Protein backbone atom coordinates (compact mmCIF):
# COMPACT_ATOMS: atom_id res chain seq x y z
CA MET A 1 28.83 -58.21 10.77
CA THR A 2 29.04 -60.86 13.48
CA ALA A 3 29.73 -64.54 12.80
CA ARG A 4 26.19 -65.33 13.93
CA ARG A 5 24.65 -62.85 11.50
CA SER A 6 26.88 -64.16 8.72
CA ARG A 7 25.80 -67.78 9.35
CA SER A 8 22.13 -66.79 9.48
CA ARG A 9 22.38 -64.95 6.20
CA ARG A 10 24.27 -67.79 4.54
CA ALA A 11 21.55 -70.22 5.68
CA ALA A 12 18.83 -67.92 4.32
CA TYR A 13 20.63 -67.56 0.99
CA ALA A 14 21.11 -71.36 0.76
CA ALA A 15 17.40 -71.94 1.39
CA LEU A 16 16.54 -69.32 -1.20
CA THR A 17 18.80 -70.95 -3.81
CA LEU A 18 17.39 -74.44 -3.21
CA ALA A 19 13.79 -73.21 -3.37
CA LEU A 20 14.49 -71.29 -6.57
CA ALA A 21 16.19 -74.31 -8.16
CA GLY A 22 13.19 -76.50 -7.26
CA SER A 23 10.78 -73.99 -8.76
CA LEU A 24 12.76 -73.78 -12.00
CA ALA A 25 12.94 -77.57 -12.28
CA LEU A 26 9.20 -77.87 -11.70
CA THR A 27 8.51 -75.19 -14.31
CA GLY A 28 10.63 -77.09 -16.86
CA CYS A 29 8.79 -80.37 -16.22
CA ASN A 30 5.37 -78.76 -16.51
CA SER A 31 6.34 -77.01 -19.75
CA HIS A 32 7.56 -80.30 -21.31
CA SER A 33 4.42 -82.14 -20.16
CA SER A 34 2.03 -79.51 -21.59
CA LYS A 35 3.74 -79.62 -25.02
CA SER A 36 3.60 -83.42 -25.30
CA ARG A 37 -0.10 -83.75 -24.46
CA LYS A 38 -2.93 -82.26 -26.55
CA SER A 39 -6.09 -83.98 -25.23
CA LYS A 40 -8.53 -82.41 -22.77
CA LYS A 41 -7.27 -84.84 -20.22
CA SER A 42 -3.70 -83.66 -20.67
CA PHE A 43 -4.85 -80.03 -20.60
CA SER A 44 -6.57 -80.66 -17.30
CA SER A 45 -3.41 -82.25 -15.99
CA SER A 46 -1.39 -79.25 -17.14
CA ALA A 47 -3.80 -76.88 -15.40
CA GLY A 48 -3.38 -78.90 -12.22
CA SER A 49 0.38 -78.61 -12.56
CA LYS A 50 0.14 -74.82 -12.95
CA SER A 51 -2.01 -74.67 -9.83
CA SER A 52 0.57 -76.75 -8.03
CA LEU A 53 3.32 -74.46 -9.27
CA LYS A 54 1.48 -71.40 -7.96
CA SER A 55 1.12 -73.11 -4.62
CA LYS A 56 4.83 -73.90 -4.63
CA LYS A 57 5.64 -70.29 -5.47
CA ARG A 58 3.48 -69.03 -2.62
CA GLY A 59 5.24 -71.42 -0.25
CA PHE A 60 8.60 -70.29 -1.57
CA ALA A 61 7.77 -66.64 -1.02
CA GLY A 62 6.67 -67.33 2.55
CA GLY A 63 9.85 -69.29 3.23
CA GLY A 64 11.93 -66.38 1.97
CA ALA A 65 10.15 -63.97 4.28
CA ALA A 66 10.61 -66.32 7.23
CA GLY A 67 14.30 -66.66 6.42
CA ALA A 68 14.70 -62.89 6.23
CA GLY A 69 12.86 -62.51 9.53
CA ALA A 70 15.11 -65.07 11.21
CA GLY A 71 18.18 -63.29 9.86
CA ALA A 72 16.94 -59.93 11.17
CA ALA A 73 16.19 -61.42 14.60
CA ALA A 74 19.63 -63.02 14.77
CA SER A 75 21.26 -59.72 13.84
CA ARG A 76 19.74 -57.84 16.79
CA ARG A 77 22.33 -57.07 19.43
CA VAL A 78 21.25 -57.48 23.03
CA ARG A 79 21.43 -54.00 24.52
CA ASP A 80 23.08 -53.15 27.83
CA CYS A 81 20.85 -52.79 30.89
CA ARG A 82 20.35 -49.32 32.32
CA PRO A 83 19.84 -48.46 35.99
CA SER A 84 16.63 -46.82 37.20
CA THR A 85 15.25 -45.89 40.61
CA TYR A 86 12.36 -48.34 40.18
CA GLY A 87 14.39 -51.08 38.48
CA VAL A 88 17.02 -51.45 41.24
CA THR A 89 15.92 -52.39 44.75
CA PHE A 90 17.75 -53.15 48.00
CA ALA A 91 17.01 -55.32 51.03
CA GLN A 92 19.12 -56.22 54.08
CA GLN A 93 19.13 -59.62 55.74
CA THR A 94 20.26 -59.78 59.37
CA GLY A 95 21.78 -62.56 61.42
CA PRO A 96 24.99 -64.62 61.05
CA ARG A 97 24.75 -64.39 57.26
CA SER A 98 23.90 -60.70 57.16
CA HIS A 99 24.01 -59.16 53.71
CA VAL A 100 22.39 -56.60 51.43
CA THR A 101 20.66 -57.95 48.33
CA VAL A 102 20.72 -55.82 45.20
CA THR A 103 17.96 -56.78 42.77
CA PHE A 104 17.67 -55.54 39.20
CA LYS A 105 14.40 -55.96 37.32
CA ASN A 106 14.40 -55.58 33.54
CA THR A 107 11.22 -53.57 33.04
CA GLY A 108 11.71 -53.41 29.26
CA SER A 109 10.21 -55.61 26.55
CA ARG A 110 13.61 -56.90 25.36
CA ALA A 111 16.47 -58.75 27.01
CA CYS A 112 19.46 -56.75 28.21
CA THR A 113 23.00 -57.48 29.42
CA LEU A 114 24.66 -56.74 32.76
CA HIS A 115 28.45 -56.64 32.99
CA ASP A 116 30.46 -57.72 36.04
CA ALA A 117 29.21 -56.00 39.23
CA PRO A 118 26.99 -53.00 40.04
CA LEU A 119 28.78 -49.77 40.94
CA LEU A 120 27.41 -48.74 44.35
CA ARG A 121 28.51 -45.50 45.99
CA PHE A 122 26.83 -44.98 49.36
CA ASP A 123 26.12 -41.48 50.68
CA LYS A 124 29.15 -39.30 49.96
CA ASP A 125 31.72 -42.08 49.50
CA LYS A 126 34.36 -41.05 46.98
CA ALA A 127 34.50 -44.48 45.32
CA PRO A 128 32.02 -47.32 44.75
CA LEU A 129 32.30 -50.63 46.56
CA PRO A 130 35.01 -52.79 44.95
CA PRO A 131 33.86 -55.97 43.19
CA LEU A 132 34.38 -59.11 45.27
CA GLN A 133 35.12 -61.28 42.21
CA GLY A 134 36.99 -58.72 40.13
CA THR A 135 36.06 -57.47 36.66
CA ASP A 136 36.70 -60.59 34.60
CA GLY A 137 34.16 -59.90 31.86
CA THR A 138 31.24 -61.68 33.50
CA ARG A 139 27.99 -61.08 31.60
CA VAL A 140 24.42 -61.88 32.59
CA THR A 141 21.58 -61.67 30.07
CA VAL A 142 18.35 -60.60 31.77
CA PRO A 143 15.17 -61.49 29.85
CA ALA A 144 12.30 -59.04 29.54
CA HIS A 145 10.69 -58.66 32.99
CA GLY A 146 13.39 -60.95 34.42
CA HIS A 147 15.71 -60.36 37.39
CA ALA A 148 19.39 -60.43 38.30
CA TYR A 149 21.03 -60.25 41.72
CA ALA A 150 24.19 -59.10 43.49
CA VAL A 151 25.07 -59.35 47.18
CA VAL A 152 26.96 -57.11 49.61
CA PRO A 153 28.17 -59.21 52.58
CA THR A 154 27.75 -57.44 55.97
CA ARG A 155 28.57 -60.27 58.38
CA THR A 156 31.12 -58.36 60.48
CA ALA A 157 30.83 -55.09 62.35
CA ALA A 158 33.27 -53.41 59.97
CA ALA A 159 31.38 -54.71 56.93
CA LYS A 160 28.05 -53.61 58.35
CA GLY A 161 29.33 -50.17 59.28
CA THR A 162 26.71 -47.49 59.79
CA THR A 163 23.22 -46.74 58.54
CA ARG A 164 23.18 -45.24 55.05
CA ARG A 165 20.83 -42.63 53.64
CA SER A 166 21.20 -43.20 49.90
CA VAL A 167 23.17 -44.99 47.21
CA THR A 168 24.21 -43.92 43.73
CA VAL A 169 23.95 -46.80 41.26
CA ALA A 170 25.68 -47.23 37.92
CA PHE A 171 26.10 -50.26 35.66
CA MET A 172 29.45 -51.23 34.20
CA GLY A 173 29.79 -51.23 30.44
CA ALA A 174 31.40 -53.83 28.20
CA SER A 175 34.70 -51.94 28.08
CA ALA A 176 36.85 -51.12 31.08
CA GLN A 177 36.02 -47.94 33.01
CA SER A 178 32.75 -47.43 31.10
CA VAL A 179 29.15 -47.23 32.28
CA THR A 180 25.97 -47.92 30.32
CA ALA A 181 24.12 -44.74 31.31
CA GLU A 182 24.01 -41.89 33.81
CA PRO A 183 23.96 -43.11 37.45
CA VAL A 184 20.74 -42.94 39.46
CA THR A 185 20.35 -42.25 43.19
CA VAL A 186 18.11 -44.36 45.40
CA ASN A 187 16.96 -42.53 48.53
CA PHE A 188 16.50 -45.03 51.36
CA ALA A 189 14.38 -42.68 53.48
CA GLU A 190 11.87 -42.24 50.66
CA LYS A 191 11.62 -46.00 50.30
CA ARG A 192 11.52 -46.52 54.09
CA LEU A 193 14.64 -48.66 54.02
CA HIS A 194 17.22 -49.05 56.78
CA LEU A 195 20.50 -50.33 55.35
CA SER A 196 23.91 -50.47 56.99
CA VAL A 197 26.98 -50.93 54.81
CA GLY A 198 30.61 -50.39 55.77
CA ASN A 199 33.98 -51.73 54.64
CA THR A 200 32.92 -54.54 52.31
CA LYS A 201 32.60 -55.54 48.65
CA VAL A 202 29.86 -56.45 46.18
CA THR A 203 29.53 -59.66 44.16
CA ASN A 204 29.13 -59.82 40.40
CA TRP A 205 25.63 -60.04 38.96
CA ASP A 206 24.02 -63.47 38.95
CA SER A 207 20.84 -64.75 37.33
CA SER A 208 19.82 -66.40 40.63
CA LEU A 209 19.72 -65.04 44.16
CA HIS A 210 21.21 -68.25 45.54
CA GLY A 211 24.13 -67.97 43.12
CA ALA A 212 24.84 -64.42 44.27
CA GLN A 213 24.61 -65.50 47.91
CA LEU A 214 27.05 -68.33 47.28
CA ALA A 215 29.50 -65.90 45.68
CA GLY A 216 29.19 -63.63 48.73
CA GLY A 217 29.64 -66.47 51.20
CA VAL A 218 26.23 -65.88 52.80
CA ALA A 219 24.16 -68.75 51.34
CA ASN A 220 22.20 -70.99 53.68
C-alpha cells in the first residue's frame, strides 16, 4: 500500500468515526428528550428530531460512500503508456534548427506515464538512438487524449544522415532495461513521410514541444 493510499484511507476512517460519534450523540439527546416530555407538543418535537436523525443518517451514509470513492480513486496507479502505430507520429523540420519531432498521443481514457526517452531504432540499426539527457528517471504523465514530445536534433550533415524507411518504437519502463510493451514499427512510406536521421541522439519526453526543443538545442 502506498503512502498516498494509506493517508486517504486514514482520512476516510477519521471522517467515518466523527460522523458515527455525532450520530450516536444525537441519538442519545433525542432519546433523553422524548422520555422527559409527554405532551403532544413534545411528541411532535420528538418526531421532528427523529426525522432530523434520519436525514443525518442519510447524509452520513453518502459521506461514507464519497470517502470510499475518493480512497479508491487515490489508490489507482497511473499505468505506463504503450506505443502504437497511430499514437506515435513523426515530423521533420528543416533549416538551421533542423530536427525530427516525435509526438505521442494518449488515445486512452486514462492518464499514463512515459519514462525517460523513446527507444527509436531506424531501419536495420542494431541499437536505438541514445538518449541525449541520459536515463535519470524522468517521468511525464500524459492525460487522457493529451500529448508528449521528444526531439531528435539533425542540424549537421552527420546528424541528418540519410533518408530512412521505417522506425521501430518502444517505450522505456520504470526499471532499467525494461520496456512497457512490444515495440511497434512505423513505416514512413505508408505515411508518406520523408525523414533523414543519422548519428544523433533523442531527448527525453516533455509535456510541451517547446520544452523538448529547448532540450535538443533547436528552439527558436
